[in-house]
PDB file of N, CA and C in Angstrom:
ATOM      1  N   MET A   1     -10.708 -12.180  -0.355  1.00  0.00           N
ATOM      2  CA  MET A   1      -9.657 -12.811   0.508  1.00  0.00           C
ATOM      3  C   MET A   1      -8.588 -13.286  -0.375  1.00  0.00           C
ATOM      4  N   GLU A   2      -9.040 -14.336  -1.199  1.00  0.00           N
ATOM      5  CA  GLU A   2      -8.153 -15.008  -2.134  1.00  0.00           C
ATOM      6  C   GLU A   2      -7.179 -14.030  -3.027  1.00  0.00           C
ATOM      7  N   ALA A   3      -7.957 -13.006  -3.630  1.00  0.00           N
ATOM      8  CA  ALA A   3      -7.332 -12.127  -4.479  1.00  0.00           C
ATOM      9  C   ALA A   3      -6.244 -11.404  -3.766  1.00  0.00           C
ATOM     10  N   LEU A   4      -6.556 -10.981  -2.412  1.00  0.00           N
ATOM     11  CA  LEU A   4      -5.647 -10.360  -1.495  1.00  0.00           C
ATOM     12  C   LEU A   4      -4.248 -11.091  -1.336  1.00  0.00           C
ATOM     13  N   LEU A   5      -4.615 -12.383  -1.055  1.00  0.00           N
ATOM     14  CA  LEU A   5      -3.549 -13.340  -0.827  1.00  0.00           C
ATOM     15  C   LEU A   5      -2.690 -13.561  -2.006  1.00  0.00           C
ATOM     16  N   ALA A   6      -3.389 -13.569  -3.191  1.00  0.00           N
ATOM     17  CA  ALA A   6      -2.484 -13.779  -4.512  1.00  0.00           C
ATOM     18  C   ALA A   6      -1.747 -12.381  -4.543  1.00  0.00           C
ATOM     19  N   ILE A   7      -2.172 -11.303  -4.454  1.00  0.00           N
ATOM     20  CA  ILE A   7      -1.427 -10.086  -4.549  1.00  0.00           C
ATOM     21  C   ILE A   7      -0.323 -10.058  -3.613  1.00  0.00           C
ATOM     22  N   SER A   8      -0.580 -10.677  -2.344  1.00  0.00           N
ATOM     23  CA  SER A   8       0.387 -10.643  -1.383  1.00  0.00           C
ATOM     24  C   SER A   8       1.623 -11.429  -1.699  1.00  0.00           C
ATOM     25  N   ASN A   9       1.247 -12.818  -2.233  1.00  0.00           N
ATOM     26  CA  ASN A   9       2.243 -13.576  -2.725  1.00  0.00           C
ATOM     27  C   ASN A   9       3.139 -13.063  -3.947  1.00  0.00           C
ATOM     28  N   ILE A  10       2.426 -12.345  -4.794  1.00  0.00           N
ATOM     29  CA  ILE A  10       3.312 -11.662  -5.764  1.00  0.00           C
ATOM     30  C   ILE A  10       4.163 -10.657  -5.281  1.00  0.00           C
ATOM     31  N   THR A  11       3.694  -9.921  -4.367  1.00  0.00           N
ATOM     32  CA  THR A  11       4.455  -8.673  -3.872  1.00  0.00           C
ATOM     33  C   THR A  11       5.641  -9.402  -3.066  1.00  0.00           C
ATOM     34  N   LEU A  12       5.522 -10.682  -2.502  1.00  0.00           N
ATOM     35  CA  LEU A  12       6.624 -11.346  -1.819  1.00  0.00           C
ATOM     36  C   LEU A  12       7.589 -12.040  -2.682  1.00  0.00           C
ATOM     37  N   GLY A  13       7.112 -12.744  -3.450  1.00  0.00           N
ATOM     38  CA  GLY A  13       7.933 -13.627  -4.432  1.00  0.00           C
ATOM     39  C   GLY A  13       8.155 -13.262  -5.778  1.00  0.00           C
ATOM     40  N   GLY A  14       7.351 -12.313  -6.190  1.00  0.00           N
ATOM     41  CA  GLY A  14       7.414 -11.903  -7.634  1.00  0.00           C
ATOM     42  C   GLY A  14       8.534 -10.895  -7.801  1.00  0.00           C
ATOM     43  N   ASN A  15       8.765 -10.383  -9.190  1.00  0.00           N
ATOM     44  CA  ASN A  15       9.815  -9.656  -9.381  1.00  0.00           C
ATOM     45  C   ASN A  15       9.153  -8.249  -9.701  1.00  0.00           C
ATOM     46  N   ARG A  16       9.879  -7.173 -10.037  1.00  0.00           N
ATOM     47  CA  ARG A  16       9.482  -5.937 -10.254  1.00  0.00           C
ATOM     48  C   ARG A  16       8.444  -5.852 -11.323  1.00  0.00           C
ATOM     49  N   GLU A  17       8.583  -6.602 -12.417  1.00  0.00           N
ATOM     50  CA  GLU A  17       7.641  -6.576 -13.474  1.00  0.00           C
ATOM     51  C   GLU A  17       6.430  -7.038 -13.052  1.00  0.00           C
ATOM     52  N   HIS A  18       6.276  -8.175 -12.298  1.00  0.00           N
ATOM     53  CA  HIS A  18       5.042  -8.565 -11.901  1.00  0.00           C
ATOM     54  C   HIS A  18       4.286  -7.389 -10.867  1.00  0.00           C
ATOM     55  N   MET A  19       5.059  -6.723 -10.138  1.00  0.00           N
ATOM     56  CA  MET A  19       4.491  -5.766  -9.232  1.00  0.00           C
ATOM     57  C   MET A  19       4.019  -4.500 -10.151  1.00  0.00           C
ATOM     58  N   ASP A  20       4.929  -4.306 -11.190  1.00  0.00           N
ATOM     59  CA  ASP A  20       4.330  -3.236 -12.240  1.00  0.00           C
ATOM     60  C   ASP A  20       3.162  -3.461 -12.773  1.00  0.00           C
ATOM     61  N   LEU A  21       2.866  -4.647 -13.160  1.00  0.00           N
ATOM     62  CA  LEU A  21       1.652  -5.289 -13.894  1.00  0.00           C
ATOM     63  C   LEU A  21       0.478  -4.951 -12.843  1.00  0.00           C
ATOM     64  N   LEU A  22       0.538  -5.292 -11.536  1.00  0.00           N
ATOM     65  CA  LEU A  22      -0.443  -5.083 -10.686  1.00  0.00           C
ATOM     66  C   LEU A  22      -0.841  -3.546 -10.575  1.00  0.00           C
ATOM     67  N   VAL A  23       0.258  -2.740 -10.611  1.00  0.00           N
ATOM     68  CA  VAL A  23       0.056  -1.268 -10.444  1.00  0.00           C
ATOM     69  C   VAL A  23      -0.684  -0.804 -11.726  1.00  0.00           C
ATOM     70  N   SER A  24      -0.313  -1.397 -12.990  1.00  0.00           N
ATOM     71  CA  SER A  24      -1.022  -1.056 -14.192  1.00  0.00           C
ATOM     72  C   SER A  24      -2.387  -1.508 -14.137  1.00  0.00           C
ATOM     73  N   LEU A  25      -2.740  -2.482 -13.295  1.00  0.00           N
ATOM     74  CA  LEU A  25      -4.172  -3.020 -13.222  1.00  0.00           C
ATOM     75  C   LEU A  25      -4.995  -2.333 -12.134  1.00  0.00           C
ATOM     76  N   ASN A  26      -4.312  -1.344 -11.602  1.00  0.00           N
ATOM     77  CA  ASN A  26      -4.965  -0.247 -10.567  1.00  0.00           C
ATOM     78  C   ASN A  26      -5.266  -1.168  -9.313  1.00  0.00           C
ATOM     79  N   CYS A  27      -4.502  -1.859  -8.867  1.00  0.00           N
ATOM     80  CA  CYS A  27      -4.712  -2.630  -7.711  1.00  0.00           C
ATOM     81  C   CYS A  27      -4.696  -1.666  -6.496  1.00  0.00           C
ATOM     82  N   HIS A  28      -4.475  -0.413  -6.481  1.00  0.00           N
ATOM     83  CA  HIS A  28      -4.398   0.425  -5.463  1.00  0.00           C
ATOM     84  C   HIS A  28      -5.847   0.813  -4.921  1.00  0.00           C
ATOM     85  N   THR A  29      -6.864   0.738  -5.884  1.00  0.00           N
ATOM     86  CA  THR A  29      -8.219   0.966  -5.561  1.00  0.00           C
ATOM     87  C   THR A  29      -8.738  -0.038  -4.631  1.00  0.00           C
ATOM     88  N   PRO A  30      -8.828  -1.364  -4.911  1.00  0.00           N
ATOM     89  CA  PRO A  30      -9.297  -2.359  -3.953  1.00  0.00           C
ATOM     90  C   PRO A  30      -8.400  -2.497  -2.593  1.00  0.00           C
ATOM     91  N   LEU A  31      -7.168  -2.214  -2.885  1.00  0.00           N
ATOM     92  CA  LEU A  31      -6.261  -2.270  -1.591  1.00  0.00           C
ATOM     93  C   LEU A  31      -6.645  -1.197  -0.750  1.00  0.00           C
ATOM     94  N   ALA A  32      -7.050   0.092  -1.210  1.00  0.00           N
ATOM     95  CA  ALA A  32      -7.434   1.108  -0.411  1.00  0.00           C
ATOM     96  C   ALA A  32      -8.838   0.635   0.381  1.00  0.00           C
ATOM     97  N   GLY A  33      -9.687  -0.137  -0.309  1.00  0.00           N
ATOM     98  CA  GLY A  33     -11.042  -0.430   0.010  1.00  0.00           C
ATOM     99  C   GLY A  33     -10.668  -1.640   1.281  1.00  0.00           C
ATOM    100  N   ILE A  34      -9.868  -2.443   1.043  1.00  0.00           N
ATOM    101  CA  ILE A  34      -9.522  -3.483   2.108  1.00  0.00           C
ATOM    102  C   ILE A  34      -9.130  -2.889   3.232  1.00  0.00           C
ATOM    103  N   LEU A  35      -8.451  -1.782   3.142  1.00  0.00           N
ATOM    104  CA  LEU A  35      -8.016  -1.098   4.512  1.00  0.00           C
ATOM    105  C   LEU A  35      -9.146  -0.662   5.410  1.00  0.00           C
ATOM    106  N   GLN A  36     -10.390  -0.656   4.984  1.00  0.00           N
ATOM    107  CA  GLN A  36     -11.604  -0.270   5.599  1.00  0.00           C
ATOM    108  C   GLN A  36     -12.310  -1.646   6.066  1.00  0.00           C
ATOM    109  N   SER A  37     -11.762  -2.840   5.975  1.00  0.00           N
ATOM    110  CA  SER A  37     -12.387  -4.025   6.290  1.00  0.00           C
ATOM    111  C   SER A  37     -12.475  -4.071   7.866  1.00  0.00           C
ATOM    112  N   PRO A  38     -13.647  -4.745   8.212  1.00  0.00           N
ATOM    113  CA  PRO A  38     -13.633  -4.887   9.683  1.00  0.00           C
ATOM    114  C   PRO A  38     -12.774  -6.015  10.074  1.00  0.00           C
ATOM    115  N   SER A  39     -12.183  -6.866   9.115  1.00  0.00           N
ATOM    116  CA  SER A  39     -11.410  -7.916   9.601  1.00  0.00           C
ATOM    117  C   SER A  39      -9.765  -7.545   9.778  1.00  0.00           C
ATOM    118  N   PRO A  40      -9.339  -7.551  11.052  1.00  0.00           N
ATOM    119  CA  PRO A  40      -7.998  -7.125  11.348  1.00  0.00           C
ATOM    120  C   PRO A  40      -6.960  -8.140  10.596  1.00  0.00           C
ATOM    121  N   ASP A  41      -7.312  -9.305  10.374  1.00  0.00           N
ATOM    122  CA  ASP A  41      -6.366 -10.135   9.329  1.00  0.00           C
ATOM    123  C   ASP A  41      -6.225  -9.534   8.011  1.00  0.00           C
ATOM    124  N   LEU A  42      -7.279  -9.216   7.343  1.00  0.00           N
ATOM    125  CA  LEU A  42      -7.283  -8.633   6.073  1.00  0.00           C
ATOM    126  C   LEU A  42      -6.551  -7.398   6.088  1.00  0.00           C
ATOM    127  N   VAL A  43      -6.806  -6.512   7.066  1.00  0.00           N
ATOM    128  CA  VAL A  43      -6.153  -5.263   7.166  1.00  0.00           C
ATOM    129  C   VAL A  43      -4.600  -5.388   7.240  1.00  0.00           C
ATOM    130  N   CYS A  44      -4.244  -6.199   8.114  1.00  0.00           N
ATOM    131  CA  CYS A  44      -2.777  -6.534   8.383  1.00  0.00           C
ATOM    132  C   CYS A  44      -2.151  -6.979   6.973  1.00  0.00           C
ATOM    133  N   ILE A  45      -2.705  -7.825   6.246  1.00  0.00           N
ATOM    134  CA  ILE A  45      -2.095  -8.365   5.070  1.00  0.00           C
ATOM    135  C   ILE A  45      -2.092  -7.217   4.030  1.00  0.00           C
ATOM    136  N   ALA A  46      -3.232  -6.374   3.976  1.00  0.00           N
ATOM    137  CA  ALA A  46      -3.165  -5.163   3.006  1.00  0.00           C
ATOM    138  C   ALA A  46      -2.235  -4.294   3.311  1.00  0.00           C
ATOM    139  N   LEU A  47      -1.862  -3.865   4.749  1.00  0.00           N
ATOM    140  CA  LEU A  47      -0.925  -3.016   5.103  1.00  0.00           C
ATOM    141  C   LEU A  47       0.514  -3.541   4.620  1.00  0.00           C
ATOM    142  N   ASN A  48       0.753  -4.730   4.788  1.00  0.00           N
ATOM    143  CA  ASN A  48       2.063  -5.362   4.483  1.00  0.00           C
ATOM    144  C   ASN A  48       2.210  -5.265   2.887  1.00  0.00           C
ATOM    145  N   VAL A  49       1.080  -5.488   2.224  1.00  0.00           N
ATOM    146  CA  VAL A  49       1.222  -5.434   0.771  1.00  0.00           C
ATOM    147  C   VAL A  49       1.513  -3.780   0.346  1.00  0.00           C
ATOM    148  N   LEU A  50       0.601  -3.098   0.903  1.00  0.00           N
ATOM    149  CA  LEU A  50       0.903  -1.599   0.751  1.00  0.00           C
ATOM    150  C   LEU A  50       2.329  -1.156   1.003  1.00  0.00           C
ATOM    151  N   GLN A  51       2.931  -1.691   2.141  1.00  0.00           N
ATOM    152  CA  GLN A  51       4.383  -1.397   2.356  1.00  0.00           C
ATOM    153  C   GLN A  51       5.467  -1.707   1.202  1.00  0.00           C
ATOM    154  N   ARG A  52       5.028  -2.984   0.652  1.00  0.00           N
ATOM    155  CA  ARG A  52       5.815  -3.518  -0.337  1.00  0.00           C
ATOM    156  C   ARG A  52       5.806  -2.667  -1.614  1.00  0.00           C
ATOM    157  N   PHE A  53       4.545  -2.229  -2.028  1.00  0.00           N
ATOM    158  CA  PHE A  53       4.450  -1.459  -3.078  1.00  0.00           C
ATOM    159  C   PHE A  53       5.163  -0.067  -2.904  1.00  0.00           C
ATOM    160  N   LEU A  54       4.851   0.580  -1.753  1.00  0.00           N
ATOM    161  CA  LEU A  54       5.612   1.877  -1.268  1.00  0.00           C
ATOM    162  C   LEU A  54       7.102   1.684  -1.368  1.00  0.00           C
ATOM    163  N   LYS A  55       7.601   0.658  -0.952  1.00  0.00           N
ATOM    164  CA  LYS A  55       9.097   0.430  -1.031  1.00  0.00           C
ATOM    165  C   LYS A  55       9.434   0.399  -2.417  1.00  0.00           C
ATOM    166  N   LEU A  56       8.750  -0.249  -3.412  1.00  0.00           N
ATOM    167  CA  LEU A  56       8.997  -0.291  -4.861  1.00  0.00           C
ATOM    168  C   LEU A  56       9.182   1.125  -5.417  1.00  0.00           C
ATOM    169  N   ASP A  57       8.158   1.900  -5.111  1.00  0.00           N
ATOM    170  CA  ASP A  57       7.958   3.238  -5.689  1.00  0.00           C
ATOM    171  C   ASP A  57       9.211   3.968  -5.072  1.00  0.00           C
ATOM    172  N   VAL A  58       9.739   3.814  -3.918  1.00  0.00           N
ATOM    173  CA  VAL A  58      10.995   4.578  -3.415  1.00  0.00           C
ATOM    174  C   VAL A  58      12.324   3.938  -4.312  1.00  0.00           C
ATOM    175  N   LEU A  59      12.343   2.747  -4.513  1.00  0.00           N
ATOM    176  CA  LEU A  59      13.365   2.156  -5.326  1.00  0.00           C
ATOM    177  C   LEU A  59      13.366   2.720  -6.687  1.00  0.00           C
ATOM    178  N   LYS A  60      12.146   2.862  -7.372  1.00  0.00           N
ATOM    179  CA  LYS A  60      11.996   3.400  -8.625  1.00  0.00           C
ATOM    180  C   LYS A  60      12.544   4.836  -8.813  1.00  0.00           C
ATOM    181  N   ALA A  61      12.233   5.448  -7.664  1.00  0.00           N
ATOM    182  CA  ALA A  61      12.609   6.810  -7.538  1.00  0.00           C
ATOM    183  C   ALA A  61      14.101   7.094  -7.709  1.00  0.00           C
ATOM    184  N   ARG A  62      14.830   6.145  -7.338  1.00  0.00           N
ATOM    185  CA  ARG A  62      16.175   6.036  -7.087  1.00  0.00           C
ATOM    186  C   ARG A  62      16.818   5.540  -8.571  1.00  0.00           C
ATOM    187  N   THR A  63      16.059   5.108  -9.368  1.00  0.00           N
ATOM    188  CA  THR A  63      16.647   4.422 -10.579  1.00  0.00           C
ATOM    189  C   THR A  63      16.368   5.466 -11.925  1.00  0.00           C
ATOM    190  N   PRO A  64      17.541   5.820 -12.551  1.00  0.00           N
ATOM    191  CA  PRO A  64      17.357   6.748 -13.514  1.00  0.00           C
ATOM    192  C   PRO A  64      16.395   6.084 -14.755  1.00  0.00           C
ATOM    193  N   ASP A  65      15.676   7.038 -15.414  1.00  0.00           N
ATOM    194  CA  ASP A  65      14.919   6.635 -16.523  1.00  0.00           C
ATOM    195  C   ASP A  65      13.709   5.786 -16.245  1.00  0.00           C
ATOM    196  N   CYS A  66      13.350   5.860 -14.948  1.00  0.00           N
ATOM    197  CA  CYS A  66      12.228   4.983 -14.453  1.00  0.00           C
ATOM    198  C   CYS A  66      11.231   5.975 -14.099  1.00  0.00           C
ATOM    199  N   GLU A  67       9.952   5.455 -14.355  1.00  0.00           N
ATOM    200  CA  GLU A  67       8.751   6.221 -14.056  1.00  0.00           C
ATOM    201  C   GLU A  67       8.450   5.980 -12.600  1.00  0.00           C
ATOM    202  N   ASN A  68       8.443   6.896 -11.635  1.00  0.00           N
ATOM    203  CA  ASN A  68       8.322   6.515 -10.316  1.00  0.00           C
ATOM    204  C   ASN A  68       7.133   7.065  -9.743  1.00  0.00           C
ATOM    205  N   GLY A  69       6.794   6.825  -8.521  1.00  0.00           N
ATOM    206  CA  GLY A  69       5.498   7.347  -7.873  1.00  0.00           C
ATOM    207  C   GLY A  69       4.360   6.891  -8.263  1.00  0.00           C
ATOM    208  N   THR A  70       4.218   5.966  -9.244  1.00  0.00           N
ATOM    209  CA  THR A  70       2.974   5.719 -10.000  1.00  0.00           C
ATOM    210  C   THR A  70       2.054   5.102  -8.904  1.00  0.00           C
ATOM    211  N   PHE A  71       2.446   4.253  -8.143  1.00  0.00           N
ATOM    212  CA  PHE A  71       1.507   3.531  -7.185  1.00  0.00           C
ATOM    213  C   PHE A  71       1.086   4.353  -5.970  1.00  0.00           C
ATOM    214  N   THR A  72       2.235   5.053  -5.525  1.00  0.00           N
ATOM    215  CA  THR A  72       1.839   6.154  -4.465  1.00  0.00           C
ATOM    216  C   THR A  72       0.946   7.206  -4.919  1.00  0.00           C
ATOM    217  N   GLY A  73       1.052   7.863  -6.006  1.00  0.00           N
ATOM    218  CA  GLY A  73       0.153   8.788  -6.320  1.00  0.00           C
ATOM    219  C   GLY A  73      -1.394   8.244  -6.595  1.00  0.00           C
ATOM    220  N   SER A  74      -1.331   7.138  -7.174  1.00  0.00           N
ATOM    221  CA  SER A  74      -2.572   6.544  -7.410  1.00  0.00           C
ATOM    222  C   SER A  74      -3.478   6.185  -6.180  1.00  0.00           C
ATOM    223  N   PHE A  75      -2.412   5.667  -5.214  1.00  0.00           N
ATOM    224  CA  PHE A  75      -3.093   5.194  -3.803  1.00  0.00           C
ATOM    225  C   PHE A  75      -3.380   6.521  -3.101  1.00  0.00           C
ATOM    226  N   VAL A  76      -2.844   7.469  -3.115  1.00  0.00           N
ATOM    227  CA  VAL A  76      -3.227   8.798  -2.587  1.00  0.00           C
ATOM    228  C   VAL A  76      -4.759   9.269  -3.046  1.00  0.00           C
ATOM    229  N   GLU A  77      -4.767   9.306  -4.518  1.00  0.00           N
ATOM    230  CA  GLU A  77      -6.018   9.737  -5.266  1.00  0.00           C
ATOM    231  C   GLU A  77      -7.201   8.774  -4.993  1.00  0.00           C
ATOM    232  N   SER A  78      -6.958   7.535  -4.624  1.00  0.00           N
ATOM    233  CA  SER A  78      -8.105   6.628  -4.344  1.00  0.00           C
ATOM    234  C   SER A  78      -8.509   6.666  -2.970  1.00  0.00           C
ATOM    235  N   GLY A  79      -7.849   7.570  -2.106  1.00  0.00           N
ATOM    236  CA  GLY A  79      -8.495   7.725  -0.618  1.00  0.00           C
ATOM    237  C   GLY A  79      -7.675   6.818   0.267  1.00  0.00           C
ATOM    238  N   GLY A  80      -6.719   6.247  -0.228  1.00  0.00           N
ATOM    239  CA  GLY A  80      -5.856   5.443   0.641  1.00  0.00           C
ATOM    240  C   GLY A  80      -5.351   6.011   1.882  1.00  0.00           C
ATOM    241  N   VAL A  81      -4.686   7.202   1.780  1.00  0.00           N
ATOM    242  CA  VAL A  81      -4.233   7.928   2.795  1.00  0.00           C
ATOM    243  C   VAL A  81      -5.280   8.210   3.884  1.00  0.00           C
ATOM    244  N   ASP A  82      -6.436   8.541   3.444  1.00  0.00           N
ATOM    245  CA  ASP A  82      -7.597   8.782   4.457  1.00  0.00           C
ATOM    246  C   ASP A  82      -7.881   7.486   5.227  1.00  0.00           C
ATOM    247  N   ALA A  83      -7.916   6.332   4.555  1.00  0.00           N
ATOM    248  CA  ALA A  83      -7.985   5.005   5.033  1.00  0.00           C
ATOM    249  C   ALA A  83      -6.853   4.702   6.250  1.00  0.00           C
ATOM    250  N   LEU A  84      -5.706   5.155   5.797  1.00  0.00           N
ATOM    251  CA  LEU A  84      -4.547   4.881   6.802  1.00  0.00           C
ATOM    252  C   LEU A  84      -4.722   5.775   8.010  1.00  0.00           C
ATOM    253  N   TRP A  85      -5.204   7.154   7.786  1.00  0.00           N
ATOM    254  CA  TRP A  85      -5.369   7.907   9.013  1.00  0.00           C
ATOM    255  C   TRP A  85      -6.398   7.315   9.928  1.00  0.00           C
ATOM    256  N   LYS A  86      -7.456   6.777   9.377  1.00  0.00           N
ATOM    257  CA  LYS A  86      -8.485   5.978  10.293  1.00  0.00           C
ATOM    258  C   LYS A  86      -7.841   4.806  10.911  1.00  0.00           C
ATOM    259  N   LEU A  87      -6.979   3.983  10.301  1.00  0.00           N
ATOM    260  CA  LEU A  87      -6.430   2.831  10.984  1.00  0.00           C
ATOM    261  C   LEU A  87      -5.388   3.356  12.114  1.00  0.00           C
ATOM    262  N   VAL A  88      -4.864   4.501  12.122  1.00  0.00           N
ATOM    263  CA  VAL A  88      -3.928   5.052  13.214  1.00  0.00           C
ATOM    264  C   VAL A  88      -4.734   5.076  14.520  1.00  0.00           C
ATOM    265  N   ASN A  89      -6.029   5.172  14.399  1.00  0.00           N
ATOM    266  CA  ASN A  89      -6.916   5.158  15.636  1.00  0.00           C
ATOM    267  C   ASN A  89      -7.505   3.719  15.866  1.00  0.00           C
ATOM    268  N   SER A  90      -6.981   2.698  15.196  1.00  0.00           N
ATOM    269  CA  SER A  90      -7.558   1.322  15.493  1.00  0.00           C
ATOM    270  C   SER A  90      -7.241   1.026  16.903  1.00  0.00           C
ATOM    271  N   GLN A  91      -8.268   0.074  17.476  1.00  0.00           N
ATOM    272  CA  GLN A  91      -8.097  -0.575  18.609  1.00  0.00           C
ATOM    273  C   GLN A  91      -7.074  -1.636  18.600  1.00  0.00           C
ATOM    274  N   ASN A  92      -6.594  -2.186  17.476  1.00  0.00           N
ATOM    275  CA  ASN A  92      -5.701  -3.115  17.223  1.00  0.00           C
ATOM    276  C   ASN A  92      -4.173  -2.439  17.059  1.00  0.00           C
ATOM    277  N   ASP A  93      -3.495  -2.531  18.083  1.00  0.00           N
ATOM    278  CA  ASP A  93      -2.065  -1.927  18.125  1.00  0.00           C
ATOM    279  C   ASP A  93      -1.233  -2.123  17.003  1.00  0.00           C
ATOM    280  N   THR A  94      -1.105  -3.451  16.557  1.00  0.00           N
ATOM    281  CA  THR A  94      -0.346  -3.815  15.343  1.00  0.00           C
ATOM    282  C   THR A  94      -0.958  -2.928  14.242  1.00  0.00           C
ATOM    283  N   ILE A  95      -2.160  -2.851  13.842  1.00  0.00           N
ATOM    284  CA  ILE A  95      -2.689  -2.112  12.712  1.00  0.00           C
ATOM    285  C   ILE A  95      -2.297  -0.588  13.024  1.00  0.00           C
ATOM    286  N   SER A  96      -2.765  -0.079  14.165  1.00  0.00           N
ATOM    287  CA  SER A  96      -2.402   1.365  14.530  1.00  0.00           C
ATOM    288  C   SER A  96      -1.075   1.601  14.223  1.00  0.00           C
ATOM    289  N   GLU A  97       0.093   0.868  14.779  1.00  0.00           N
ATOM    290  CA  GLU A  97       1.451   1.146  14.496  1.00  0.00           C
ATOM    291  C   GLU A  97       1.849   1.145  13.073  1.00  0.00           C
ATOM    292  N   LEU A  98       1.593   0.147  12.362  1.00  0.00           N
ATOM    293  CA  LEU A  98       1.836  -0.064  10.996  1.00  0.00           C
ATOM    294  C   LEU A  98       1.403   1.001  10.272  1.00  0.00           C
ATOM    295  N   ALA A  99       0.112   1.439  10.315  1.00  0.00           N
ATOM    296  CA  ALA A  99      -0.452   2.554   9.619  1.00  0.00           C
ATOM    297  C   ALA A  99       0.217   3.865   9.937  1.00  0.00           C
ATOM    298  N   ASP A 100       0.748   4.113  11.120  1.00  0.00           N
ATOM    299  CA  ASP A 100       1.392   5.305  11.633  1.00  0.00           C
ATOM    300  C   ASP A 100       2.722   5.278  10.839  1.00  0.00           C
ATOM    301  N   GLN A 101       3.369   4.094  10.938  1.00  0.00           N
ATOM    302  CA  GLN A 101       4.702   3.989  10.423  1.00  0.00           C
ATOM    303  C   GLN A 101       4.654   4.291   8.706  1.00  0.00           C
ATOM    304  N   LEU A 102       3.669   3.741   7.928  1.00  0.00           N
ATOM    305  CA  LEU A 102       3.418   4.040   6.683  1.00  0.00           C
ATOM    306  C   LEU A 102       3.304   5.499   6.298  1.00  0.00           C
ATOM    307  N   LEU A 103       2.480   6.182   7.070  1.00  0.00           N
ATOM    308  CA  LEU A 103       2.158   7.539   6.944  1.00  0.00           C
ATOM    309  C   LEU A 103       3.382   8.509   7.178  1.00  0.00           C
ATOM    310  N   THR A 104       4.279   8.185   8.146  1.00  0.00           N
ATOM    311  CA  THR A 104       5.405   8.800   8.443  1.00  0.00           C
ATOM    312  C   THR A 104       6.502   8.524   7.495  1.00  0.00           C
ATOM    313  N   LYS A 105       6.629   7.278   7.206  1.00  0.00           N
ATOM    314  CA  LYS A 105       7.661   7.041   6.148  1.00  0.00           C
ATOM    315  C   LYS A 105       7.531   7.416   4.630  1.00  0.00           C
ATOM    316  N   TYR A 106       6.308   7.225   4.228  1.00  0.00           N
ATOM    317  CA  TYR A 106       6.082   7.437   2.834  1.00  0.00           C
ATOM    318  C   TYR A 106       5.218   8.506   2.324  1.00  0.00           C
ATOM    319  N   PHE A 107       4.535   9.175   3.258  1.00  0.00           N
ATOM    320  CA  PHE A 107       3.739  10.247   2.730  1.00  0.00           C
ATOM    321  C   PHE A 107       4.102  11.595   3.513  1.00  0.00           C
ATOM    322  N   SER A 108       4.386  12.664   2.417  1.00  0.00           N
ATOM    323  CA  SER A 108       4.785  13.966   3.107  1.00  0.00           C
ATOM    324  C   SER A 108       3.485  14.695   3.478  1.00  0.00           C
ATOM    325  N   ASN A 109       3.629  15.740   4.127  1.00  0.00           N
ATOM    326  CA  ASN A 109       2.595  16.578   4.517  1.00  0.00           C
ATOM    327  C   ASN A 109       1.637  17.026   3.539  1.00  0.00           C
ATOM    328  N   ASP A 110       2.238  17.261   2.210  1.00  0.00           N
ATOM    329  CA  ASP A 110       1.581  17.483   1.125  1.00  0.00           C
ATOM    330  C   ASP A 110       0.498  16.455   0.623  1.00  0.00           C
ATOM    331  N   ASP A 111       0.846  15.200   0.902  1.00  0.00           N
ATOM    332  CA  ASP A 111      -0.036  14.124   0.678  1.00  0.00           C
ATOM    333  C   ASP A 111      -1.077  13.939   1.714  1.00  0.00           C
ATOM    334  N   LEU A 112      -0.746  14.550   2.851  1.00  0.00           N
ATOM    335  CA  LEU A 112      -1.764  14.297   3.941  1.00  0.00           C
ATOM    336  C   LEU A 112      -2.788  15.450   3.971  1.00  0.00           C
TER     337      LEU A 112
END
């Protein structure tokens, strides 16, 4: 829980270099794992963190000479999209709606 909160704080208040460091440390794998947690609170935090990483990848894609899609591709490879699909069927409406929004906005049919 503490590690997730630390990552959340970095994605909220840190700069792009801080988030790039987290990506280079492969934070996508534990993040995908947390999406499978039975704790709705942890899952909600993880979904919000995920959304901030995905937004950063979109911004990077618009920046010339910038490596883009690093987080998104790694997240897909780590099974994160499968975890999102499972969350779409969550009994928690907040989790279900956010998971659906992330899938719709950030992942193409090729990723799914």
